[in-house]
Amino acid sequence: MANNCSEDIRDKAKIICNKNQISSDDYMDLADNIIDNIGKEKFNEIIKANMEFGTTSSNEQMKSITKVIKTHLTTNFDRMIELAYKSADMSILDFRTNMPSYVESCFLDDLGNMSAHSIPRVYHLHADLTNGLYVLGRNSYKTLYDSHEHPIYRLLQNHYCSNSIVFIGFSFLDIYIDKAFKHIKKMSDREFEANTELYREHLGRNSSTRKCQHFLFTPSDSPLITNIKRKDKSKVKSFIERITLFHENFNEINIYPIIYKKHQHVFIQEVFTFLSQRKI
């Protein structure tokens, strides 16, 4: 059923876009158009069916990441991260969910009620599997990101200010994600400066607190690099200039890019395997 529905959606997508090849720029508007055509309930059912069908196992890269990082923020709908914990230790499954009992999954409705935690936690920023809610179309993105008062901003800013974030497969090509982190960086800088000034006034010396450094893993053929443009929107032909601009863009939001050779995704697994062995 899921496969038939998927073919259905592909056919409708070609008609709506009036072209055979659909680019990432079309995704949001395409999702809204499909929802208008088949209804949100059916659309969500198809997404859920495909997610459940496609997440019966995890990969070695994800397993190596879970050995080092215990708080995960994901915009994916699947349960790949939880399954990585599951495959690592089958003896700790919760019989009700068939997922690891010591891993907490949090969805959109949970974001406003988050407390400190000592167990691994997975935040699904764009999905709520229980209520069948998925952030895919432009309308749902606007609902989530247009208001800076939404709990997702508080969650992201707390982690941005308090922890080093490692971005893996995270789409900064998404204009809403890009704008969100630029806003978070701006707010975090203000908060940091205010706290530094307060520290200086009360203790008569500068604070030793430093801003958290964040990292982005990306392959050399990533669209983030190959499609980069100058501030005047002109195209960049030189590879060296593309890399330079890429670093400059992410340094502006305090993210240090780590670029690896295309198709060499095993590099990420090797890095985290090394870190887990060093017990970092």
Protein backbone atom coordinates (compact mmCIF):
# COMPACT_ATOMS: atom_id res chain seq x y z
CA MET A 1 0.00 0.00 0.00
CA ALA A 2 2.77 2.41 0.96
CA ASN A 3 4.56 1.78 -2.35
CA ASN A 4 1.39 2.35 -4.40
CA CYS A 5 0.71 5.60 -2.55
CA SER A 6 4.29 6.71 -3.11
CA GLU A 7 3.92 6.17 -6.86
CA ASP A 8 0.66 8.10 -6.64
CA ILE A 9 2.48 11.05 -5.01
CA ARG A 10 5.30 10.95 -7.57
CA ASP A 11 2.80 11.09 -10.43
CA LYS A 12 0.93 14.01 -8.83
CA ALA A 13 4.26 15.77 -8.18
CA LYS A 14 5.23 15.62 -11.87
CA ILE A 15 1.85 17.05 -12.86
CA ILE A 16 1.96 19.82 -10.22
CA CYS A 17 5.54 20.87 -11.08
CA ASN A 18 5.03 20.24 -14.79
CA LYS A 19 8.46 18.62 -15.01
CA ASN A 20 10.06 15.20 -14.52
CA GLN A 21 13.01 16.38 -12.46
CA ILE A 22 12.09 17.89 -9.07
CA SER A 23 14.73 19.93 -7.22
CA SER A 24 15.00 20.60 -3.48
CA ASP A 25 13.72 24.14 -4.14
CA ASP A 26 10.36 22.63 -5.08
CA TYR A 27 9.86 20.45 -2.00
CA MET A 28 7.96 22.81 0.31
CA ASP A 29 5.54 24.14 -2.28
CA LEU A 30 5.16 20.65 -3.71
CA ALA A 31 4.20 19.25 -0.30
CA ASP A 32 1.57 21.96 0.15
CA ASN A 33 0.19 21.25 -3.32
CA ILE A 34 -0.02 17.50 -2.68
CA ILE A 35 -1.77 18.11 0.65
CA ASP A 36 -4.30 20.32 -1.18
CA ASN A 37 -4.84 17.51 -3.71
CA ILE A 38 -5.14 14.45 -1.48
CA GLY A 39 -5.82 15.93 1.98
CA LYS A 40 -3.52 16.26 5.00
CA GLU A 41 -4.74 13.10 6.72
CA LYS A 42 -3.94 10.83 3.76
CA PHE A 43 -0.66 12.64 3.16
CA ASN A 44 0.43 12.06 6.78
CA GLU A 45 -0.64 8.41 6.60
CA ILE A 46 1.58 7.88 3.54
CA ILE A 47 4.56 9.57 5.22
CA LYS A 48 4.13 7.51 8.37
CA ALA A 49 3.76 4.25 6.44
CA ASN A 50 6.95 4.93 4.49
CA MET A 51 8.88 5.93 7.62
CA GLU A 52 7.87 2.77 9.47
CA PHE A 53 8.64 0.63 6.43
CA GLY A 54 12.06 2.15 5.95
CA THR A 55 13.44 2.11 9.50
CA THR A 56 13.91 -1.50 10.48
CA SER A 57 17.65 -1.17 10.99
CA SER A 58 20.36 1.39 11.67
CA ASN A 59 23.74 1.88 10.05
CA GLU A 60 27.26 1.66 11.45
CA GLN A 61 27.79 5.41 11.17
CA MET A 62 24.82 6.15 13.42
CA LYS A 63 25.92 3.48 15.92
CA SER A 64 29.36 5.12 16.19
CA ILE A 65 27.74 8.55 16.74
CA THR A 66 25.51 7.29 19.60
CA LYS A 67 28.62 6.05 21.45
CA VAL A 68 29.83 9.65 21.79
CA ILE A 69 26.81 11.97 21.56
CA LYS A 70 23.85 11.49 23.91
CA THR A 71 21.59 14.39 22.88
CA HIS A 72 20.33 14.31 19.31
CA LEU A 73 18.31 16.96 17.47
CA THR A 74 16.95 15.69 14.17
CA THR A 75 14.63 17.02 11.46
CA ASN A 76 14.22 13.49 10.06
CA PHE A 77 10.96 11.62 10.60
CA ASP A 78 12.45 8.14 11.00
CA ARG A 79 13.66 6.43 14.18
CA MET A 80 17.17 5.70 12.91
CA ILE A 81 18.86 7.13 16.03
CA GLU A 82 16.74 5.11 18.46
CA LEU A 83 17.36 2.01 16.34
CA ALA A 84 21.12 2.58 16.64
CA TYR A 85 20.77 2.32 20.44
CA LYS A 86 18.48 -0.68 19.99
CA SER A 87 20.97 -2.58 17.83
CA ALA A 88 23.72 -1.85 20.36
CA ASP A 89 21.87 -3.55 23.22
CA MET A 90 18.79 -5.70 22.55
CA SER A 91 18.37 -6.48 26.26
CA ILE A 92 17.00 -3.06 27.22
CA LEU A 93 13.92 -2.88 24.99
CA ASP A 94 10.61 -1.52 26.25
CA PHE A 95 8.09 -4.22 25.33
CA ARG A 96 5.40 -1.57 24.63
CA THR A 97 7.37 0.36 22.01
CA ASN A 98 10.05 -2.18 20.99
CA MET A 99 12.55 0.68 21.46
CA PRO A 100 15.36 1.06 24.03
CA SER A 101 13.88 1.81 27.45
CA TYR A 102 16.74 4.15 28.40
CA VAL A 103 16.39 6.42 25.32
CA GLU A 104 13.81 9.22 25.47
CA SER A 105 12.11 10.31 22.23
CA CYS A 106 10.70 13.85 22.26
CA PHE A 107 8.38 15.35 19.65
CA LEU A 108 7.00 18.78 18.78
CA ASP A 109 4.37 18.74 21.52
CA ASP A 110 7.05 17.99 24.14
CA LEU A 111 9.39 20.89 23.35
CA GLY A 112 7.79 23.35 25.78
CA ASN A 113 8.12 20.95 28.74
CA MET A 114 11.73 19.84 28.58
CA SER A 115 13.74 19.31 31.74
CA ALA A 116 17.34 18.32 32.39
CA HIS A 117 18.11 14.71 31.56
CA SER A 118 20.86 12.19 32.19
CA ILE A 119 19.77 9.55 29.66
CA PRO A 120 20.13 9.75 25.86
CA ARG A 121 17.42 11.92 24.33
CA VAL A 122 16.29 12.32 20.71
CA TYR A 123 14.41 15.49 19.76
CA HIS A 124 12.33 15.06 16.60
CA LEU A 125 12.05 18.73 15.62
CA HIS A 126 9.88 18.23 12.54
CA ALA A 127 7.70 15.29 13.49
CA ASP A 128 5.24 13.93 15.99
CA LEU A 129 4.69 10.28 15.10
CA THR A 130 2.04 9.86 17.77
CA ASN A 131 -0.22 12.60 16.43
CA GLY A 132 0.78 12.16 12.77
CA LEU A 133 2.17 15.67 12.42
CA TYR A 134 4.97 16.36 9.93
CA VAL A 135 6.71 19.61 9.00
CA LEU A 136 7.10 19.40 5.24
CA GLY A 137 5.17 22.13 3.41
CA ARG A 138 5.94 25.84 3.44
CA ASN A 139 2.85 26.51 5.57
CA SER A 140 4.00 24.13 8.33
CA TYR A 141 7.54 25.60 8.22
CA LYS A 142 6.12 29.09 8.66
CA THR A 143 4.03 27.94 11.63
CA LEU A 144 7.13 26.47 13.27
CA TYR A 145 9.81 29.06 12.48
CA ASP A 146 8.14 32.42 11.84
CA SER A 147 7.50 33.04 15.55
CA HIS A 148 10.67 33.45 17.58
CA GLU A 149 8.56 32.64 20.64
CA HIS A 150 8.05 29.03 19.55
CA PRO A 151 9.63 26.49 21.99
CA ILE A 152 11.86 25.20 19.18
CA TYR A 153 13.85 28.47 19.31
CA ARG A 154 14.36 28.18 23.06
CA LEU A 155 15.49 24.57 22.69
CA LEU A 156 17.94 25.33 19.88
CA GLN A 157 19.31 28.43 21.63
CA ASN A 158 19.84 26.55 24.90
CA HIS A 159 21.91 23.92 23.11
CA TYR A 160 23.70 26.50 20.97
CA CYS A 161 24.80 28.43 24.07
CA SER A 162 25.53 25.48 26.38
CA ASN A 163 26.91 22.66 24.21
CA SER A 164 29.03 22.07 21.15
CA ILE A 165 26.68 21.01 18.36
CA VAL A 166 27.87 18.65 15.62
CA PHE A 167 25.79 19.04 12.45
CA ILE A 168 25.64 15.90 10.30
CA GLY A 169 23.40 15.81 7.24
CA PHE A 170 21.69 18.97 8.47
CA SER A 171 20.22 21.04 5.65
CA PHE A 172 21.31 24.67 5.87
CA LEU A 173 20.00 24.99 2.31
CA ASP A 174 16.62 25.22 3.99
CA ILE A 175 15.99 28.98 4.25
CA TYR A 176 13.98 28.60 7.45
CA ILE A 177 16.76 26.62 9.18
CA ASP A 178 19.38 29.09 7.96
CA LYS A 179 17.41 32.10 9.22
CA ALA A 180 16.67 30.36 12.52
CA PHE A 181 20.36 29.83 13.34
CA LYS A 182 21.29 33.35 12.27
CA HIS A 183 18.64 34.66 14.69
CA ILE A 184 19.83 32.29 17.43
CA LYS A 185 23.44 33.44 16.92
CA LYS A 186 22.33 37.09 17.21
CA MET A 187 20.34 36.45 20.41
CA SER A 188 23.14 34.33 21.89
CA ASP A 189 25.71 37.07 21.25
CA ARG A 190 23.50 39.60 23.03
CA GLU A 191 23.04 37.28 25.98
CA PHE A 192 26.77 36.51 26.13
CA GLU A 193 27.69 40.21 26.07
CA ALA A 194 25.11 41.05 28.76
CA ASN A 195 26.38 38.25 31.03
CA THR A 196 30.01 39.30 30.46
CA GLU A 197 29.18 42.91 31.37
CA LEU A 198 27.28 41.77 34.48
CA TYR A 199 30.23 39.61 35.55
CA ARG A 200 32.63 42.53 35.07
CA GLU A 201 30.45 44.95 37.07
CA HIS A 202 30.01 42.64 40.08
CA LEU A 203 33.42 40.96 40.22
CA GLY A 204 35.61 43.62 38.64
CA ARG A 205 37.16 41.26 36.08
CA ASN A 206 36.32 39.56 32.84
CA SER A 207 34.46 36.26 32.78
CA SER A 208 36.46 33.20 31.75
CA THR A 209 33.38 31.76 30.02
CA ARG A 210 33.87 31.12 26.31
CA LYS A 211 31.36 30.71 23.52
CA CYS A 212 30.68 27.13 22.47
CA GLN A 213 32.29 26.01 19.22
CA HIS A 214 30.08 24.10 16.78
CA PHE A 215 31.01 21.81 13.88
CA LEU A 216 29.53 20.80 10.53
CA PHE A 217 30.48 17.63 8.64
CA THR A 218 29.86 17.91 4.90
CA PRO A 219 31.19 16.23 1.73
CA SER A 220 33.15 18.29 -0.81
CA ASP A 221 30.36 17.88 -3.39
CA SER A 222 27.64 19.17 -1.05
CA PRO A 223 25.23 21.69 -2.66
CA LEU A 224 26.17 23.95 0.27
CA ILE A 225 29.58 24.26 -1.43
CA THR A 226 28.87 23.68 -5.13
CA ASN A 227 25.91 26.10 -5.24
CA ILE A 228 27.43 28.82 -3.09
CA LYS A 229 27.11 32.41 -4.34
CA ARG A 230 28.76 35.70 -3.51
CA LYS A 231 26.82 38.31 -1.56
CA ASP A 232 25.92 40.00 -4.82
CA LYS A 233 24.33 36.64 -5.88
CA SER A 234 26.94 36.08 -8.62
CA LYS A 235 28.18 32.53 -9.19
CA VAL A 236 31.57 31.31 -7.97
CA LYS A 237 33.66 29.25 -10.42
CA SER A 238 36.86 28.71 -8.45
CA PHE A 239 36.82 25.75 -6.03
CA ILE A 240 39.19 27.57 -3.65
CA GLU A 241 36.90 30.61 -3.56
CA ARG A 242 33.86 28.37 -2.94
CA ILE A 243 35.59 26.73 0.03
CA THR A 244 36.71 30.12 1.40
CA LEU A 245 33.20 31.61 1.15
CA PHE A 246 31.73 28.44 2.64
CA HIS A 247 33.97 28.72 5.71
CA GLU A 248 33.27 32.45 6.05
CA ASN A 249 29.49 31.91 5.90
CA PHE A 250 29.52 29.32 8.67
CA ASN A 251 32.08 31.11 10.80
CA GLU A 252 29.55 33.95 10.96
CA ILE A 253 27.29 31.66 13.00
CA ASN A 254 30.18 30.14 14.95
CA ILE A 255 30.17 26.83 13.08
CA TYR A 256 33.45 25.28 11.91
CA PRO A 257 33.01 23.17 8.75
CA ILE A 258 34.83 19.85 8.40
CA ILE A 259 34.90 18.91 4.71
CA TYR A 260 35.61 15.34 3.62
CA LYS A 261 36.01 13.80 0.16
CA LYS A 262 32.80 13.05 -1.76
CA HIS A 263 31.36 9.56 -1.26
CA GLN A 264 33.72 9.03 1.70
CA HIS A 265 30.97 9.13 4.33
CA VAL A 266 32.82 6.43 6.28
CA PHE A 267 35.06 9.32 7.43
CA ILE A 268 32.33 10.37 9.91
CA GLN A 269 32.10 6.84 11.31
CA GLU A 270 35.87 6.69 11.72
CA VAL A 271 35.97 10.03 13.55
CA PHE A 272 33.32 8.99 16.07
CA THR A 273 34.80 5.52 16.50
CA PHE A 274 38.11 7.20 17.34
CA LEU A 275 36.41 9.59 19.81
CA SER A 276 34.56 6.73 21.54
CA GLN A 277 37.83 4.85 22.00
CA ARG A 278 39.39 7.96 23.53
CA LYS A 279 36.35 8.19 25.87
CA ILE A 280 35.85 11.88 25.03
